Amino acid sequence: MQIMMKSSLWSLLLCASLLLSDVLATYQLNAWDHQLIAAQSYAQTRNNGRPPSRTLDPAKTDSQCRSRTLDLVFIIDSSRSVRPGEFEKVKIFLADMVDTLDIGSYATRVAVVNYASTVKIEFLLKSHFNKPDMKKAISRIEPLAAGTMTGLAIKTAVNEAFTEESGARPRSRKIPKVAIIVTDGRPQDQVEEVSAAARASGIEIYAVGVDRADMRSLKLMASIPLEDHVFYVETYGVIEKLTSKFKETLCEMKAVVVEDPCKCEARLAFQKQTQAAIQQLTAKLADVSGRIERLESMVSRA
């Protein structure tokens, strides 16, 4: 009788061990797959009404970088030192810059201030809201010759080009105001105070020097940090190379990979449900372990 009881108890102990193995195998082999599927279904349901996530194609540079919305004024030197062929290069640079910008009434607005010993506003921020018209206006710009009154040109831009009457957006809109000055000479008037006043009014100034341009004057005009706002090229023949540099500088959207939000939510849901599964498993293991201990105690007493 005692032998039969021991045999029965050992059978129960064996069954309990097999049950424990089955629990472990079930959670190790199947639970993760079921939890992952459930999590993905949950996330997919949450995202059914959302538009598909956008990804960036490195081959499509225009879609990678949208220029910031700006009120942008080019201030170009057309003094006698700038030969006719060189001035054409400046106009090509302006047209290339326009091509890189998002032009429009609700996007970037552009004006051009032409200067030598006198200053002429070629067109205002409110004049052209599409690229073809703007590039035609640029193609019609003629050099003014004579001196280099850079300070007067900056003052004219501030007082006449960067005004709401001329098409600049109100300060409350918080749209950046940017001036890009292109010159190949030394200013014949004072630029330090007028540039400081322009910057104090909220205008960000980039200074582009060509050939014989005075580097000290460029630094006096430009915003800080100077390494980001002062550029120099040896000749007008290579000024077009600055287009890509300015495109990078004025870029609004960085080329980063945006992860699918469905995957993010799936991961979070999976983690939560996995934690719950582990808690259930721990409770089952504790229960089975307690039963095994009681059976072992009964076998030892038999």
Protein backbone atom coordinates (compact mmCIF):
# COMPACT_ATOMS: atom_id res chain seq x y z
CA MET A 1 0.00 0.00 0.00
CA GLN A 2 2.80 2.36 0.94
CA ILE A 3 4.64 1.48 -2.29
CA MET A 4 1.51 2.27 -4.37
CA MET A 5 1.13 5.64 -2.61
CA LYS A 6 4.76 6.53 -3.33
CA SER A 7 4.30 5.53 -6.94
CA SER A 8 1.21 7.73 -7.23
CA LEU A 9 2.98 10.68 -5.64
CA TRP A 10 5.97 10.29 -7.98
CA SER A 11 3.54 10.24 -10.91
CA LEU A 12 1.96 13.46 -9.72
CA LEU A 13 5.43 15.00 -9.31
CA LEU A 14 6.33 13.97 -12.84
CA CYS A 15 3.09 15.46 -14.18
CA ALA A 16 3.81 18.71 -12.35
CA SER A 17 7.29 18.83 -13.86
CA LEU A 18 5.88 18.26 -17.32
CA LEU A 19 3.30 21.00 -16.69
CA LEU A 20 6.06 23.42 -15.72
CA SER A 21 8.04 22.56 -18.86
CA ASP A 22 4.95 23.07 -20.98
CA VAL A 23 4.28 26.50 -19.44
CA LEU A 24 7.85 27.59 -20.09
CA ALA A 25 7.83 26.27 -23.65
CA THR A 26 4.52 27.93 -24.41
CA TYR A 27 5.69 31.36 -23.29
CA GLN A 28 9.14 31.04 -24.83
CA LEU A 29 7.96 29.87 -28.26
CA ASN A 30 4.50 31.34 -28.77
CA ALA A 31 3.73 34.22 -26.41
CA TRP A 32 6.14 36.67 -28.05
CA ASP A 33 4.63 36.13 -31.51
CA HIS A 34 1.07 36.51 -30.26
CA GLN A 35 1.91 39.63 -28.26
CA LEU A 36 3.72 41.21 -31.19
CA ILE A 37 0.81 40.53 -33.56
CA ALA A 38 -1.65 41.95 -31.06
CA ALA A 39 0.50 45.03 -30.55
CA GLN A 40 0.86 45.63 -34.27
CA SER A 41 -2.89 45.24 -34.78
CA TYR A 42 -3.52 47.75 -32.00
CA ALA A 43 -1.13 50.29 -33.50
CA GLN A 44 -2.47 49.77 -37.00
CA THR A 45 -6.02 50.35 -35.77
CA ARG A 46 -4.89 53.58 -34.11
CA ASN A 47 -3.26 54.76 -37.33
CA ASN A 48 -5.90 53.76 -39.90
CA GLY A 49 -7.09 57.35 -40.18
CA ARG A 50 -3.61 58.86 -40.50
CA PRO A 51 -1.89 59.74 -43.79
CA PRO A 52 1.06 57.54 -44.77
CA SER A 53 4.38 58.59 -43.24
CA ARG A 54 6.65 60.71 -45.43
CA THR A 55 10.18 59.60 -46.19
CA LEU A 56 12.95 61.58 -47.84
CA ASP A 57 14.47 60.44 -51.11
CA PRO A 58 18.15 61.56 -51.27
CA ALA A 59 17.89 61.79 -55.07
CA LYS A 60 15.18 64.48 -54.88
CA THR A 61 17.02 67.45 -53.44
CA ASP A 62 14.06 69.84 -53.80
CA SER A 63 11.91 67.67 -51.54
CA GLN A 64 14.68 67.37 -48.96
CA CYS A 65 15.03 71.05 -48.31
CA ARG A 66 12.43 73.76 -48.25
CA SER A 67 13.76 77.26 -47.75
CA ARG A 68 12.54 79.13 -44.72
CA THR A 69 9.82 81.68 -45.37
CA LEU A 70 11.73 84.96 -45.62
CA ASP A 71 11.54 88.60 -46.54
CA LEU A 72 14.79 88.61 -48.53
CA VAL A 73 16.52 91.65 -50.03
CA PHE A 74 19.57 91.36 -52.29
CA ILE A 75 21.84 94.43 -52.20
CA ILE A 76 24.14 94.27 -55.23
CA ASP A 77 27.16 96.38 -56.10
CA SER A 78 27.18 97.55 -59.74
CA SER A 79 29.95 100.13 -59.45
CA ARG A 80 32.49 100.76 -62.22
CA SER A 81 34.83 98.06 -60.89
CA VAL A 82 32.23 95.44 -61.79
CA ARG A 83 32.67 94.76 -65.51
CA PRO A 84 29.57 94.10 -67.66
CA GLY A 85 30.37 90.39 -67.98
CA GLU A 86 30.88 90.13 -64.23
CA PHE A 87 27.58 91.87 -63.54
CA GLU A 88 25.87 89.27 -65.72
CA LYS A 89 27.37 86.62 -63.42
CA VAL A 90 25.79 88.39 -60.45
CA LYS A 91 22.41 88.30 -62.19
CA ILE A 92 22.83 84.58 -62.89
CA PHE A 93 23.61 84.08 -59.20
CA LEU A 94 20.42 85.94 -58.24
CA ALA A 95 18.35 83.87 -60.68
CA ASP A 96 19.87 80.64 -59.34
CA MET A 97 19.07 81.74 -55.80
CA VAL A 98 15.46 82.42 -56.78
CA ASP A 99 15.26 78.87 -58.19
CA THR A 100 16.25 77.43 -54.79
CA LEU A 101 13.64 79.43 -52.86
CA ASP A 102 9.94 78.84 -52.29
CA ILE A 103 8.65 82.05 -53.86
CA GLY A 104 5.13 83.29 -53.21
CA SER A 105 2.89 85.73 -51.41
CA TYR A 106 2.65 83.33 -48.45
CA ALA A 107 6.20 82.02 -48.89
CA THR A 108 9.48 83.86 -49.49
CA ARG A 109 9.33 87.37 -50.93
CA VAL A 110 12.34 88.89 -52.70
CA ALA A 111 13.48 92.43 -53.49
CA VAL A 112 16.62 93.72 -55.21
CA VAL A 113 18.49 96.92 -54.33
CA ASN A 114 21.10 97.99 -56.91
CA TYR A 115 23.79 100.49 -55.94
CA ALA A 116 26.91 102.35 -57.00
CA SER A 117 27.25 106.06 -56.13
CA THR A 118 23.44 106.12 -56.20
CA VAL A 119 20.88 103.55 -55.10
CA LYS A 120 18.02 102.09 -57.13
CA ILE A 121 15.39 99.67 -55.87
CA GLU A 122 14.91 97.38 -58.87
CA PHE A 123 11.79 95.73 -57.46
CA LEU A 124 10.08 95.45 -54.08
CA LEU A 125 9.03 92.53 -51.89
CA LYS A 126 5.46 93.00 -53.11
CA SER A 127 6.36 93.16 -56.82
CA HIS A 128 6.67 89.51 -57.87
CA PHE A 129 5.22 86.35 -56.33
CA ASN A 130 6.31 83.83 -58.95
CA LYS A 131 9.71 82.77 -60.23
CA PRO A 132 9.33 83.48 -63.99
CA ASP A 133 8.33 87.11 -63.45
CA MET A 134 11.00 87.61 -60.83
CA LYS A 135 13.75 86.17 -63.06
CA LYS A 136 12.61 88.37 -65.97
CA ALA A 137 12.91 91.40 -63.69
CA ILE A 138 16.41 90.31 -62.69
CA SER A 139 17.44 89.90 -66.32
CA ARG A 140 16.46 93.54 -66.98
CA ILE A 141 18.71 95.01 -64.25
CA GLU A 142 21.44 97.30 -65.59
CA PRO A 143 24.66 98.39 -63.79
CA LEU A 144 24.75 101.92 -62.38
CA ALA A 145 28.55 102.44 -62.56
CA ALA A 146 30.50 105.15 -60.68
CA GLY A 147 31.16 104.85 -56.89
CA THR A 148 30.50 102.34 -54.10
CA MET A 149 28.04 103.76 -51.55
CA THR A 150 27.38 100.54 -49.64
CA GLY A 151 26.24 102.26 -46.46
CA LEU A 152 23.68 104.29 -48.38
CA ALA A 153 22.42 101.09 -50.04
CA ILE A 154 21.94 99.37 -46.65
CA LYS A 155 20.13 102.42 -45.26
CA THR A 156 17.85 102.54 -48.32
CA ALA A 157 17.06 98.84 -47.96
CA VAL A 158 16.09 99.30 -44.31
CA ASN A 159 14.01 102.45 -44.85
CA GLU A 160 12.38 101.60 -48.18
CA ALA A 161 12.63 97.88 -48.98
CA PHE A 162 12.02 96.27 -45.58
CA THR A 163 8.81 98.19 -44.88
CA GLU A 164 5.25 96.89 -44.77
CA GLU A 165 4.33 99.39 -47.49
CA SER A 166 6.90 97.72 -49.74
CA GLY A 167 5.67 94.20 -49.00
CA ALA A 168 7.49 93.14 -45.82
CA ARG A 169 5.35 91.13 -43.43
CA PRO A 170 4.44 92.67 -40.02
CA ARG A 171 6.83 92.03 -37.15
CA SER A 172 4.05 90.10 -35.38
CA ARG A 173 4.26 87.42 -38.11
CA LYS A 174 7.84 86.71 -36.97
CA ILE A 175 9.03 86.10 -40.53
CA PRO A 176 12.84 86.50 -40.73
CA LYS A 177 14.18 89.50 -42.61
CA VAL A 178 17.41 88.76 -44.47
CA ALA A 179 19.75 90.93 -46.53
CA ILE A 180 22.46 89.49 -48.80
CA ILE A 181 25.06 92.07 -49.84
CA VAL A 182 27.29 91.34 -52.86
CA THR A 183 30.27 93.67 -53.41
CA ASP A 184 33.76 93.63 -54.90
CA GLY A 185 35.15 96.84 -53.47
CA ARG A 186 35.74 99.01 -50.43
CA PRO A 187 32.76 101.13 -49.33
CA GLN A 188 33.18 104.85 -49.94
CA ASP A 189 30.89 105.68 -47.03
CA GLN A 190 30.37 104.53 -43.46
CA VAL A 191 28.91 101.02 -43.05
CA GLU A 192 29.49 100.11 -39.40
CA GLU A 193 26.73 102.19 -37.76
CA VAL A 194 24.13 101.70 -40.48
CA SER A 195 24.74 97.94 -40.47
CA ALA A 196 24.48 97.81 -36.68
CA ALA A 197 21.18 99.69 -36.87
CA ALA A 198 19.89 97.27 -39.52
CA ARG A 199 20.83 94.26 -37.40
CA ALA A 200 19.27 95.88 -34.32
CA SER A 201 16.00 96.24 -36.25
CA GLY A 202 15.96 92.48 -36.76
CA ILE A 203 17.60 92.14 -40.19
CA GLU A 204 20.06 89.28 -40.60
CA ILE A 205 22.90 90.35 -42.91
CA TYR A 206 25.07 88.12 -45.11
CA ALA A 207 28.09 89.78 -46.76
CA VAL A 208 29.55 88.31 -49.95
CA GLY A 209 32.93 89.65 -51.05
CA VAL A 210 34.36 89.17 -54.52
CA ASP A 211 37.94 89.69 -55.72
CA ARG A 212 39.12 93.02 -54.24
CA ALA A 213 36.41 93.25 -51.57
CA ASP A 214 37.54 94.68 -48.25
CA MET A 215 37.28 91.88 -45.69
CA ARG A 216 37.15 94.25 -42.72
CA SER A 217 34.10 95.99 -44.18
CA LEU A 218 32.40 92.65 -44.84
CA LYS A 219 32.84 91.73 -41.18
CA LEU A 220 31.52 95.11 -40.02
CA MET A 221 28.36 94.60 -42.08
CA ALA A 222 27.60 90.95 -41.41
CA SER A 223 25.64 89.38 -38.58
CA ILE A 224 27.30 87.07 -36.10
CA PRO A 225 28.64 84.43 -36.05
CA LEU A 226 30.84 85.86 -38.81
CA GLU A 227 31.93 82.44 -40.03
CA ASP A 228 28.31 81.80 -41.04
CA HIS A 229 27.58 85.24 -42.52
CA VAL A 230 30.74 86.30 -44.39
CA PHE A 231 31.61 84.69 -47.73
CA TYR A 232 34.43 85.35 -50.16
CA VAL A 233 35.04 84.22 -53.75
CA GLU A 234 38.07 85.11 -55.88
CA THR A 235 36.14 86.00 -59.03
CA TYR A 236 32.60 86.59 -60.25
CA GLY A 237 33.14 83.53 -62.41
CA VAL A 238 32.68 81.25 -59.39
CA ILE A 239 30.05 83.23 -57.46
CA GLU A 240 27.41 80.76 -58.66
CA LYS A 241 29.03 78.16 -56.38
CA LEU A 242 27.64 80.06 -53.40
CA THR A 243 24.12 79.10 -54.43
CA SER A 244 24.41 75.64 -52.86
CA LYS A 245 25.95 77.18 -49.73
CA PHE A 246 23.06 79.60 -49.30
CA LYS A 247 20.56 76.84 -50.04
CA GLU A 248 22.04 74.91 -47.13
CA THR A 249 22.06 78.02 -44.93
CA LEU A 250 18.43 78.89 -45.69
CA CYS A 251 17.26 75.29 -45.43
CA GLU A 252 14.28 74.75 -43.15
CA MET A 253 13.86 70.97 -43.16
CA LYS A 254 16.84 68.74 -42.32
CA ALA A 255 17.29 65.49 -44.21
CA VAL A 256 16.43 63.06 -41.44
CA VAL A 257 14.66 59.74 -41.60
CA VAL A 258 11.29 59.89 -39.87
CA GLU A 259 10.29 56.61 -38.27
CA ASP A 260 6.86 55.19 -39.06
CA PRO A 261 4.62 56.13 -36.07
CA CYS A 262 2.86 52.77 -36.43
CA LYS A 263 6.12 51.02 -35.57
CA CYS A 264 6.67 53.28 -32.58
CA GLU A 265 3.21 52.59 -31.14
CA ALA A 266 3.55 48.88 -31.93
CA ARG A 267 6.78 48.78 -29.94
CA LEU A 268 5.21 50.55 -26.96
CA ALA A 269 2.13 48.33 -27.01
CA PHE A 270 4.31 45.25 -27.36
CA GLN A 271 6.41 46.29 -24.36
CA LYS A 272 3.30 46.84 -22.22
CA GLN A 273 1.67 43.55 -23.19
CA THR A 274 4.96 41.68 -22.80
CA GLN A 275 5.29 43.04 -19.27
CA ALA A 276 1.77 41.82 -18.49
CA ALA A 277 2.60 38.39 -19.96
CA ILE A 278 5.74 38.13 -17.84
CA GLN A 279 3.74 38.97 -14.73
CA GLN A 280 1.22 36.21 -15.59
CA LEU A 281 4.06 33.77 -16.23
CA THR A 282 5.70 34.63 -12.91
CA ALA A 283 2.43 33.98 -11.08
CA LYS A 284 1.95 30.61 -12.85
CA LEU A 285 5.53 29.56 -12.08
CA ALA A 286 5.10 30.48 -8.43
CA ASP A 287 1.89 28.40 -8.25
CA VAL A 288 3.49 25.36 -9.96
CA SER A 289 6.60 25.65 -7.82
CA GLY A 290 4.47 25.65 -4.65
CA ARG A 291 2.61 22.53 -5.76
CA ILE A 292 5.88 20.72 -6.52
CA GLU A 293 7.23 21.58 -3.08
CA ARG A 294 4.06 20.20 -1.43
CA LEU A 295 4.28 16.98 -3.47
CA GLU A 296 7.94 16.54 -2.59
CA SER A 297 7.05 17.00 1.06
CA MET A 298 4.33 14.34 0.80
CA VAL A 299 6.71 11.90 -0.98
CA SER A 300 9.39 12.38 1.69
CA ARG A 301 6.85 11.67 4.49
CA ALA A 302 5.38 8.58 2.76
